[in-house]
Amino acid sequence: MRKPIHKPKEVAEIVAIQALSFVAGDPERLGLFLAESGIGPETLRTAAADPHFLAHVLDFVLRDDATVKAFATASQLHPTNIAAARQALRDPDEERDVP
């Protein structure tokens, strides 16, 4: 039986939704995320359908070593897989830090 083929962006969106669930599971972390993102808890579900929002979720998780390690443990993913998911959600118009 063949395994289903997933596109990198689809897999990245799944990882980002897992990250959002992880963030939402901690009231303090969720409060910080909501304050930074400028959205309210009532709009989280709608926002989760937006790939740009999902990229922001991964940015939030990845910027703090303790948070990315905790999410990696909780999701059973290696931190490099989380970073790769963020890269897959990169907007083609997004500036890159490559000279």
PDB file of N, CA and C in Angstrom:
ATOM      1  N   MET A   1       0.836  -1.174   0.000  1.00  0.00           N
ATOM      2  CA  MET A   1       0.000   0.000   0.000  1.00  0.00           C
ATOM      3  C   MET A   1       0.886   1.244   0.000  1.00  0.00           C
ATOM      4  N   ARG A   2       0.576   2.201  -0.832  1.00  0.00           N
ATOM      5  CA  ARG A   2       1.376   3.421  -0.949  1.00  0.00           C
ATOM      6  C   ARG A   2       0.970   4.407   0.140  1.00  0.00           C
ATOM      7  N   LYS A   3       1.965   5.090   0.648  1.00  0.00           N
ATOM      8  CA  LYS A   3       1.709   6.150   1.620  1.00  0.00           C
ATOM      9  C   LYS A   3       1.228   7.389   0.877  1.00  0.00           C
ATOM     10  N   PRO A   4       0.332   8.155   1.500  1.00  0.00           N
ATOM     11  CA  PRO A   4      -0.108   9.385   0.834  1.00  0.00           C
ATOM     12  C   PRO A   4       1.046  10.376   0.723  1.00  0.00           C
ATOM     13  N   ILE A   5       1.072  11.083  -0.382  1.00  0.00           N
ATOM     14  CA  ILE A   5       2.099  12.093  -0.601  1.00  0.00           C
ATOM     15  C   ILE A   5       1.555  13.428  -0.123  1.00  0.00           C
ATOM     16  N   HIS A   6       2.284  14.052   0.775  1.00  0.00           N
ATOM     17  CA  HIS A   6       1.869  15.345   1.309  1.00  0.00           C
ATOM     18  C   HIS A   6       2.764  16.430   0.739  1.00  0.00           C
ATOM     19  N   LYS A   7       2.165  17.530   0.449  1.00  0.00           N
ATOM     20  CA  LYS A   7       2.927  18.678  -0.002  1.00  0.00           C
ATOM     21  C   LYS A   7       3.528  19.351   1.221  1.00  0.00           C
ATOM     22  N   PRO A   8       4.741  19.900   1.097  1.00  0.00           N
ATOM     23  CA  PRO A   8       5.397  20.529   2.254  1.00  0.00           C
ATOM     24  C   PRO A   8       4.539  21.609   2.919  1.00  0.00           C
ATOM     25  N   LYS A   9       3.827  22.396   2.130  1.00  0.00           N
ATOM     26  CA  LYS A   9       3.013  23.455   2.728  1.00  0.00           C
ATOM     27  C   LYS A   9       1.863  22.870   3.545  1.00  0.00           C
ATOM     28  N   GLU A  10       1.265  21.788   3.081  1.00  0.00           N
ATOM     29  CA  GLU A  10       0.187  21.141   3.832  1.00  0.00           C
ATOM     30  C   GLU A  10       0.705  20.595   5.160  1.00  0.00           C
ATOM     31  N   VAL A  11       1.860  19.961   5.122  1.00  0.00           N
ATOM     32  CA  VAL A  11       2.467  19.430   6.348  1.00  0.00           C
ATOM     33  C   VAL A  11       2.807  20.582   7.291  1.00  0.00           C
ATOM     34  N   ALA A  12       3.341  21.669   6.740  1.00  0.00           N
ATOM     35  CA  ALA A  12       3.690  22.838   7.553  1.00  0.00           C
ATOM     36  C   ALA A  12       2.458  23.422   8.219  1.00  0.00           C
ATOM     37  N   GLU A  13       1.351  23.454   7.523  1.00  0.00           N
ATOM     38  CA  GLU A  13       0.116  23.972   8.118  1.00  0.00           C
ATOM     39  C   GLU A  13      -0.347  23.083   9.269  1.00  0.00           C
ATOM     40  N   ILE A  14      -0.182  21.783   9.121  1.00  0.00           N
ATOM     41  CA  ILE A  14      -0.540  20.854  10.201  1.00  0.00           C
ATOM     42  C   ILE A  14       0.343  21.109  11.422  1.00  0.00           C
ATOM     43  N   VAL A  15       1.645  21.277  11.192  1.00  0.00           N
ATOM     44  CA  VAL A  15       2.574  21.567  12.293  1.00  0.00           C
ATOM     45  C   VAL A  15       2.185  22.886  12.972  1.00  0.00           C
ATOM     46  N   ALA A  16       1.843  23.889  12.179  1.00  0.00           N
ATOM     47  CA  ALA A  16       1.476  25.194  12.730  1.00  0.00           C
ATOM     48  C   ALA A  16       0.175  25.113  13.544  1.00  0.00           C
ATOM     49  N   ILE A  17      -0.770  24.320  13.097  1.00  0.00           N
ATOM     50  CA  ILE A  17      -2.014  24.145  13.856  1.00  0.00           C
ATOM     51  C   ILE A  17      -1.729  23.421  15.164  1.00  0.00           C
ATOM     52  N   GLN A  18      -0.815  22.452  15.126  1.00  0.00           N
ATOM     53  CA  GLN A  18      -0.387  21.795  16.367  1.00  0.00           C
ATOM     54  C   GLN A  18       0.271  22.807  17.298  1.00  0.00           C
ATOM     55  N   ALA A  19       1.069  23.701  16.716  1.00  0.00           N
ATOM     56  CA  ALA A  19       1.728  24.739  17.522  1.00  0.00           C
ATOM     57  C   ALA A  19       0.699  25.678  18.135  1.00  0.00           C
ATOM     58  N   LEU A  20      -0.325  26.025  17.380  1.00  0.00           N
ATOM     59  CA  LEU A  20      -1.380  26.884  17.904  1.00  0.00           C
ATOM     60  C   LEU A  20      -2.097  26.202  19.066  1.00  0.00           C
ATOM     61  N   SER A  21      -2.367  24.930  18.925  1.00  0.00           N
ATOM     62  CA  SER A  21      -2.985  24.171  20.014  1.00  0.00           C
ATOM     63  C   SER A  21      -2.080  24.143  21.241  1.00  0.00           C
ATOM     64  N   PHE A  22      -0.794  23.986  21.011  1.00  0.00           N
ATOM     65  CA  PHE A  22       0.190  23.998  22.098  1.00  0.00           C
ATOM     66  C   PHE A  22       0.181  25.351  22.812  1.00  0.00           C
ATOM     67  N   VAL A  23       0.191  26.426  22.045  1.00  0.00           N
ATOM     68  CA  VAL A  23       0.172  27.776  22.620  1.00  0.00           C
ATOM     69  C   VAL A  23      -1.118  27.992  23.397  1.00  0.00           C
ATOM     70  N   ALA A  24      -2.230  27.558  22.817  1.00  0.00           N
ATOM     71  CA  ALA A  24      -3.539  27.750  23.457  1.00  0.00           C
ATOM     72  C   ALA A  24      -3.671  26.938  24.741  1.00  0.00           C
ATOM     73  N   GLY A  25      -2.874  25.898  24.883  1.00  0.00           N
ATOM     74  CA  GLY A  25      -2.942  25.055  26.074  1.00  0.00           C
ATOM     75  C   GLY A  25      -2.319  25.655  27.316  1.00  0.00           C
ATOM     76  N   ASP A  26      -1.651  26.780  27.181  1.00  0.00           N
ATOM     77  CA  ASP A  26      -1.021  27.446  28.325  1.00  0.00           C
ATOM     78  C   ASP A  26      -1.549  28.875  28.399  1.00  0.00           C
ATOM     79  N   PRO A  27      -2.353  29.192  29.422  1.00  0.00           N
ATOM     80  CA  PRO A  27      -2.973  30.518  29.495  1.00  0.00           C
ATOM     81  C   PRO A  27      -1.986  31.691  29.409  1.00  0.00           C
ATOM     82  N   GLU A  28      -0.846  31.561  30.055  1.00  0.00           N
ATOM     83  CA  GLU A  28       0.143  32.649  30.020  1.00  0.00           C
ATOM     84  C   GLU A  28       0.717  32.819  28.615  1.00  0.00           C
ATOM     85  N   ARG A  29       1.077  31.711  28.004  1.00  0.00           N
ATOM     86  CA  ARG A  29       1.630  31.746  26.651  1.00  0.00           C
ATOM     87  C   ARG A  29       0.575  32.261  25.660  1.00  0.00           C
ATOM     88  N   LEU A  30      -0.662  31.803  25.828  1.00  0.00           N
ATOM     89  CA  LEU A  30      -1.740  32.244  24.949  1.00  0.00           C
ATOM     90  C   LEU A  30      -1.975  33.745  25.093  1.00  0.00           C
ATOM     91  N   GLY A  31      -1.967  34.249  26.320  1.00  0.00           N
ATOM     92  CA  GLY A  31      -2.151  35.682  26.545  1.00  0.00           C
ATOM     93  C   GLY A  31      -1.080  36.503  25.857  1.00  0.00           C
ATOM     94  N   LEU A  32       0.150  36.066  25.953  1.00  0.00           N
ATOM     95  CA  LEU A  32       1.255  36.769  25.297  1.00  0.00           C
ATOM     96  C   LEU A  32       1.084  36.731  23.782  1.00  0.00           C
ATOM     97  N   PHE A  33       0.724  35.571  23.259  1.00  0.00           N
ATOM     98  CA  PHE A  33       0.531  35.441  21.815  1.00  0.00           C
ATOM     99  C   PHE A  33      -0.604  36.340  21.328  1.00  0.00           C
ATOM    100  N   LEU A  34      -1.716  36.330  22.037  1.00  0.00           N
ATOM    101  CA  LEU A  34      -2.853  37.164  21.628  1.00  0.00           C
ATOM    102  C   LEU A  34      -2.491  38.644  21.680  1.00  0.00           C
ATOM    103  N   ALA A  35      -1.756  39.032  22.709  1.00  0.00           N
ATOM    104  CA  ALA A  35      -1.352  40.435  22.826  1.00  0.00           C
ATOM    105  C   ALA A  35      -0.434  40.828  21.663  1.00  0.00           C
ATOM    106  N   GLU A  36       0.475  39.958  21.310  1.00  0.00           N
ATOM    107  CA  GLU A  36       1.404  40.245  20.211  1.00  0.00           C
ATOM    108  C   GLU A  36       0.723  40.232  18.851  1.00  0.00           C
ATOM    109  N   SER A  37      -0.203  39.309  18.675  1.00  0.00           N
ATOM    110  CA  SER A  37      -0.837  39.171  17.363  1.00  0.00           C
ATOM    111  C   SER A  37      -1.940  40.201  17.155  1.00  0.00           C
ATOM    112  N   GLY A  38      -2.478  40.717  18.263  1.00  0.00           N
ATOM    113  CA  GLY A  38      -3.538  41.716  18.153  1.00  0.00           C
ATOM    114  C   GLY A  38      -4.905  41.133  17.865  1.00  0.00           C
ATOM    115  N   ILE A  39      -5.041  39.824  17.972  1.00  0.00           N
ATOM    116  CA  ILE A  39      -6.356  39.232  17.753  1.00  0.00           C
ATOM    117  C   ILE A  39      -6.938  38.795  19.082  1.00  0.00           C
ATOM    118  N   GLY A  40      -8.234  38.578  19.095  1.00  0.00           N
ATOM    119  CA  GLY A  40      -8.896  38.116  20.300  1.00  0.00           C
ATOM    120  C   GLY A  40      -9.114  36.619  20.252  1.00  0.00           C
ATOM    121  N   PRO A  41      -9.373  36.022  21.402  1.00  0.00           N
ATOM    122  CA  PRO A  41      -9.575  34.573  21.442  1.00  0.00           C
ATOM    123  C   PRO A  41     -10.745  34.110  20.573  1.00  0.00           C
ATOM    124  N   GLU A  42     -11.722  34.989  20.371  1.00  0.00           N
ATOM    125  CA  GLU A  42     -12.885  34.618  19.573  1.00  0.00           C
ATOM    126  C   GLU A  42     -12.573  34.502  18.085  1.00  0.00           C
ATOM    127  N   THR A  43     -11.436  35.029  17.652  1.00  0.00           N
ATOM    128  CA  THR A  43     -11.091  34.973  16.225  1.00  0.00           C
ATOM    129  C   THR A  43      -9.986  33.965  15.914  1.00  0.00           C
ATOM    130  N   LEU A  44      -9.531  33.235  16.925  1.00  0.00           N
ATOM    131  CA  LEU A  44      -8.449  32.260  16.703  1.00  0.00           C
ATOM    132  C   LEU A  44      -8.814  31.210  15.656  1.00  0.00           C
ATOM    133  N   ARG A  45      -9.996  30.654  15.762  1.00  0.00           N
ATOM    134  CA  ARG A  45     -10.398  29.582  14.846  1.00  0.00           C
ATOM    135  C   ARG A  45     -10.417  30.077  13.395  1.00  0.00           C
ATOM    136  N   THR A  46     -10.948  31.260  13.187  1.00  0.00           N
ATOM    137  CA  THR A  46     -10.989  31.838  11.841  1.00  0.00           C
ATOM    138  C   THR A  46      -9.581  32.143  11.350  1.00  0.00           C
ATOM    139  N   ALA A  47      -8.765  32.720  12.216  1.00  0.00           N
ATOM    140  CA  ALA A  47      -7.403  33.085  11.837  1.00  0.00           C
ATOM    141  C   ALA A  47      -6.572  31.856  11.485  1.00  0.00           C
ATOM    142  N   ALA A  48      -6.865  30.721  12.099  1.00  0.00           N
ATOM    143  CA  ALA A  48      -6.090  29.501  11.862  1.00  0.00           C
ATOM    144  C   ALA A  48      -6.189  29.001  10.425  1.00  0.00           C
ATOM    145  N   ALA A  49      -7.133  29.514   9.657  1.00  0.00           N
ATOM    146  CA  ALA A  49      -7.263  29.121   8.254  1.00  0.00           C
ATOM    147  C   ALA A  49      -6.340  29.929   7.348  1.00  0.00           C
ATOM    148  N   ASP A  50      -5.678  30.937   7.902  1.00  0.00           N
ATOM    149  CA  ASP A  50      -4.814  31.832   7.123  1.00  0.00           C
ATOM    150  C   ASP A  50      -3.357  31.395   7.241  1.00  0.00           C
ATOM    151  N   PRO A  51      -2.711  31.011   6.130  1.00  0.00           N
ATOM    152  CA  PRO A  51      -1.309  30.577   6.183  1.00  0.00           C
ATOM    153  C   PRO A  51      -0.366  31.641   6.759  1.00  0.00           C
ATOM    154  N   HIS A  52      -0.666  32.918   6.557  1.00  0.00           N
ATOM    155  CA  HIS A  52       0.172  33.978   7.124  1.00  0.00           C
ATOM    156  C   HIS A  52       0.073  33.979   8.650  1.00  0.00           C
ATOM    157  N   PHE A  53      -1.113  33.761   9.159  1.00  0.00           N
ATOM    158  CA  PHE A  53      -1.303  33.667  10.601  1.00  0.00           C
ATOM    159  C   PHE A  53      -0.565  32.450  11.146  1.00  0.00           C
ATOM    160  N   LEU A  54      -0.667  31.328  10.446  1.00  0.00           N
ATOM    161  CA  LEU A  54       0.020  30.115  10.889  1.00  0.00           C
ATOM    162  C   LEU A  54       1.530  30.310  10.903  1.00  0.00           C
ATOM    163  N   ALA A  55       2.048  31.057   9.946  1.00  0.00           N
ATOM    164  CA  ALA A  55       3.477  31.379   9.945  1.00  0.00           C
ATOM    165  C   ALA A  55       3.827  32.191  11.183  1.00  0.00           C
ATOM    166  N   HIS A  56       2.944  33.120  11.560  1.00  0.00           N
ATOM    167  CA  HIS A  56       3.172  33.931  12.755  1.00  0.00           C
ATOM    168  C   HIS A  56       3.184  33.048  14.010  1.00  0.00           C
ATOM    169  N   VAL A  57       2.321  32.053  14.046  1.00  0.00           N
ATOM    170  CA  VAL A  57       2.302  31.117  15.186  1.00  0.00           C
ATOM    171  C   VAL A  57       3.666  30.436  15.309  1.00  0.00           C
ATOM    172  N   LEU A  58       4.190  29.954  14.187  1.00  0.00           N
ATOM    173  CA  LEU A  58       5.502  29.291  14.229  1.00  0.00           C
ATOM    174  C   LEU A  58       6.613  30.269  14.582  1.00  0.00           C
ATOM    175  N   ASP A  59       6.524  31.500  14.101  1.00  0.00           N
ATOM    176  CA  ASP A  59       7.505  32.521  14.499  1.00  0.00           C
ATOM    177  C   ASP A  59       7.499  32.693  16.016  1.00  0.00           C
ATOM    178  N   PHE A  60       6.307  32.761  16.586  1.00  0.00           N
ATOM    179  CA  PHE A  60       6.155  32.933  18.029  1.00  0.00           C
ATOM    180  C   PHE A  60       6.810  31.779  18.782  1.00  0.00           C
ATOM    181  N   VAL A  61       6.566  30.571  18.337  1.00  0.00           N
ATOM    182  CA  VAL A  61       7.133  29.389  18.997  1.00  0.00           C
ATOM    183  C   VAL A  61       8.649  29.339  18.830  1.00  0.00           C
ATOM    184  N   LEU A  62       9.126  29.654  17.636  1.00  0.00           N
ATOM    185  CA  LEU A  62      10.551  29.495  17.324  1.00  0.00           C
ATOM    186  C   LEU A  62      11.451  30.556  17.937  1.00  0.00           C
ATOM    187  N   ARG A  63      10.914  31.661  18.328  1.00  0.00           N
ATOM    188  CA  ARG A  63      11.795  32.731  18.790  1.00  0.00           C
ATOM    189  C   ARG A  63      12.325  32.524  20.207  1.00  0.00           C
ATOM    190  N   ASP A  64      11.768  31.584  20.946  1.00  0.00           N
ATOM    191  CA  ASP A  64      12.205  31.319  22.312  1.00  0.00           C
ATOM    192  C   ASP A  64      12.641  29.856  22.421  1.00  0.00           C
ATOM    193  N   ASP A  65      13.887  29.640  22.812  1.00  0.00           N
ATOM    194  CA  ASP A  65      14.418  28.277  22.880  1.00  0.00           C
ATOM    195  C   ASP A  65      13.584  27.356  23.766  1.00  0.00           C
ATOM    196  N   ALA A  66      13.172  27.853  24.922  1.00  0.00           N
ATOM    197  CA  ALA A  66      12.393  27.010  25.833  1.00  0.00           C
ATOM    198  C   ALA A  66      11.050  26.629  25.221  1.00  0.00           C
ATOM    199  N   THR A  67      10.432  27.574  24.527  1.00  0.00           N
ATOM    200  CA  THR A  67       9.136  27.296  23.904  1.00  0.00           C
ATOM    201  C   THR A  67       9.269  26.304  22.765  1.00  0.00           C
ATOM    202  N   VAL A  68      10.274  26.492  21.927  1.00  0.00           N
ATOM    203  CA  VAL A  68      10.437  25.559  20.795  1.00  0.00           C
ATOM    204  C   VAL A  68      10.793  24.170  21.311  1.00  0.00           C
ATOM    205  N   LYS A  69      11.593  24.080  22.344  1.00  0.00           N
ATOM    206  CA  LYS A  69      11.932  22.765  22.909  1.00  0.00           C
ATOM    207  C   LYS A  69      10.699  22.098  23.509  1.00  0.00           C
ATOM    208  N   ALA A  70       9.886  22.883  24.230  1.00  0.00           N
ATOM    209  CA  ALA A  70       8.670  22.332  24.834  1.00  0.00           C
ATOM    210  C   ALA A  70       7.697  21.863  23.761  1.00  0.00           C
ATOM    211  N   PHE A  71       7.539  22.660  22.705  1.00  0.00           N
ATOM    212  CA  PHE A  71       6.645  22.255  21.618  1.00  0.00           C
ATOM    213  C   PHE A  71       7.205  21.036  20.894  1.00  0.00           C
ATOM    214  N   ALA A  72       8.495  21.002  20.667  1.00  0.00           N
ATOM    215  CA  ALA A  72       9.108  19.849  19.994  1.00  0.00           C
ATOM    216  C   ALA A  72       8.855  18.572  20.793  1.00  0.00           C
ATOM    217  N   THR A  73       9.000  18.664  22.084  1.00  0.00           N
ATOM    218  CA  THR A  73       8.747  17.505  22.947  1.00  0.00           C
ATOM    219  C   THR A  73       7.278  17.110  22.898  1.00  0.00           C
ATOM    220  N   ALA A  74       6.398  18.087  23.029  1.00  0.00           N
ATOM    221  CA  ALA A  74       4.962  17.814  23.044  1.00  0.00           C
ATOM    222  C   ALA A  74       4.471  17.235  21.721  1.00  0.00           C
ATOM    223  N   SER A  75       5.040  17.697  20.622  1.00  0.00           N
ATOM    224  CA  SER A  75       4.584  17.258  19.296  1.00  0.00           C
ATOM    225  C   SER A  75       5.409  16.101  18.741  1.00  0.00           C
ATOM    226  N   GLN A  76       6.445  15.714  19.464  1.00  0.00           N
ATOM    227  CA  GLN A  76       7.361  14.658  19.038  1.00  0.00           C
ATOM    228  C   GLN A  76       8.003  14.979  17.690  1.00  0.00           C
ATOM    229  N   LEU A  77       8.345  16.259  17.527  1.00  0.00           N
ATOM    230  CA  LEU A  77       9.045  16.726  16.339  1.00  0.00           C
ATOM    231  C   LEU A  77      10.419  17.233  16.732  1.00  0.00           C
ATOM    232  N   HIS A  78      11.357  17.156  15.823  1.00  0.00           N
ATOM    233  CA  HIS A  78      12.669  17.744  16.061  1.00  0.00           C
ATOM    234  C   HIS A  78      12.545  19.240  15.784  1.00  0.00           C
ATOM    235  N   PRO A  79      13.230  20.079  16.554  1.00  0.00           N
ATOM    236  CA  PRO A  79      13.153  21.523  16.307  1.00  0.00           C
ATOM    237  C   PRO A  79      13.454  21.931  14.865  1.00  0.00           C
ATOM    238  N   THR A  80      14.322  21.184  14.190  1.00  0.00           N
ATOM    239  CA  THR A  80      14.598  21.535  12.791  1.00  0.00           C
ATOM    240  C   THR A  80      13.380  21.306  11.900  1.00  0.00           C
ATOM    241  N   ASN A  81      12.526  20.345  12.265  1.00  0.00           N
ATOM    242  CA  ASN A  81      11.297  20.122  11.504  1.00  0.00           C
ATOM    243  C   ASN A  81      10.327  21.286  11.695  1.00  0.00           C
ATOM    244  N   ILE A  82      10.335  21.874  12.873  1.00  0.00           N
ATOM    245  CA  ILE A  82       9.483  23.031  13.146  1.00  0.00           C
ATOM    246  C   ILE A  82       9.980  24.221  12.333  1.00  0.00           C
ATOM    247  N   ALA A  83      11.290  24.408  12.306  1.00  0.00           N
ATOM    248  CA  ALA A  83      11.865  25.493  11.502  1.00  0.00           C
ATOM    249  C   ALA A  83      11.598  25.266  10.009  1.00  0.00           C
ATOM    250  N   ALA A  84      11.658  24.017   9.570  1.00  0.00           N
ATOM    251  CA  ALA A  84      11.378  23.711   8.168  1.00  0.00           C
ATOM    252  C   ALA A  84       9.917  23.995   7.828  1.00  0.00           C
ATOM    253  N   ALA A  85       9.029  23.738   8.775  1.00  0.00           N
ATOM    254  CA  ALA A  85       7.614  24.049   8.558  1.00  0.00           C
ATOM    255  C   ALA A  85       7.435  25.549   8.391  1.00  0.00           C
ATOM    256  N   ARG A  86       8.134  26.322   9.204  1.00  0.00           N
ATOM    257  CA  ARG A  86       8.037  27.782   9.077  1.00  0.00           C
ATOM    258  C   ARG A  86       8.546  28.224   7.717  1.00  0.00           C
ATOM    259  N   GLN A  87       9.622  27.629   7.265  1.00  0.00           N
ATOM    260  CA  GLN A  87      10.182  27.977   5.956  1.00  0.00           C
ATOM    261  C   GLN A  87       9.195  27.630   4.841  1.00  0.00           C
ATOM    262  N   ALA A  88       8.501  26.507   4.979  1.00  0.00           N
ATOM    263  CA  ALA A  88       7.537  26.093   3.958  1.00  0.00           C
ATOM    264  C   ALA A  88       6.360  27.059   3.866  1.00  0.00           C
ATOM    265  N   LEU A  89       6.065  27.749   4.960  1.00  0.00           N
ATOM    266  CA  LEU A  89       4.965  28.719   4.967  1.00  0.00           C
ATOM    267  C   LEU A  89       5.430  30.115   4.558  1.00  0.00           C
ATOM    268  N   ARG A  90       6.698  30.234   4.214  1.00  0.00           N
ATOM    269  CA  ARG A  90       7.247  31.543   3.840  1.00  0.00           C
ATOM    270  C   ARG A  90       6.524  32.090   2.628  1.00  0.00           C
ATOM    271  N   ASP A  91       6.178  33.353   2.720  1.00  0.00           N
ATOM    272  CA  ASP A  91       5.560  34.065   1.608  1.00  0.00           C
ATOM    273  C   ASP A  91       6.640  34.300   0.558  1.00  0.00           C
ATOM    274  N   PRO A  92       6.381  34.011  -0.701  1.00  0.00           N
ATOM    275  CA  PRO A  92       7.405  34.221  -1.732  1.00  0.00           C
ATOM    276  C   PRO A  92       7.880  35.677  -1.804  1.00  0.00           C
ATOM    277  N   ASP A  93       7.048  36.600  -1.359  1.00  0.00           N
ATOM    278  CA  ASP A  93       7.426  38.015  -1.377  1.00  0.00           C
ATOM    279  C   ASP A  93       8.155  38.446  -0.105  1.00  0.00           C
ATOM    280  N   GLU A  94       8.246  37.539   0.855  1.00  0.00           N
ATOM    281  CA  GLU A  94       8.900  37.843   2.129  1.00  0.00           C
ATOM    282  C   GLU A  94      10.395  38.038   1.888  1.00  0.00           C
ATOM    283  N   GLU A  95      10.947  39.062   2.512  1.00  0.00           N
ATOM    284  CA  GLU A  95      12.379  39.319   2.348  1.00  0.00           C
ATOM    285  C   GLU A  95      13.175  38.230   3.035  1.00  0.00           C
ATOM    286  N   ARG A  96      14.299  37.896   2.441  1.00  0.00           N
ATOM    287  CA  ARG A  96      15.185  36.912   3.016  1.00  0.00           C
ATOM    288  C   ARG A  96      16.455  37.591   3.482  1.00  0.00           C
ATOM    289  N   ASP A  97      17.085  37.020   4.490  1.00  0.00           N
ATOM    290  CA  ASP A  97      18.311  37.566   5.036  1.00  0.00           C
ATOM    291  C   ASP A  97      19.549  37.008   4.338  1.00  0.00           C
ATOM    292  N   VAL A  98      19.413  36.598   3.104  1.00  0.00           N
ATOM    293  CA  VAL A  98      20.532  36.032   2.362  1.00  0.00           C
ATOM    294  C   VAL A  98      21.125  37.124   1.475  1.00  0.00           C
ATOM    295  N   PRO A  99      22.442  37.323   1.566  1.00  0.00           N
ATOM    296  CA  PRO A  99      23.052  38.384   0.748  1.00  0.00           C
ATOM    297  C   PRO A  99      22.981  38.095  -0.734  1.00  0.00           C
TER     298      PRO A  99
END
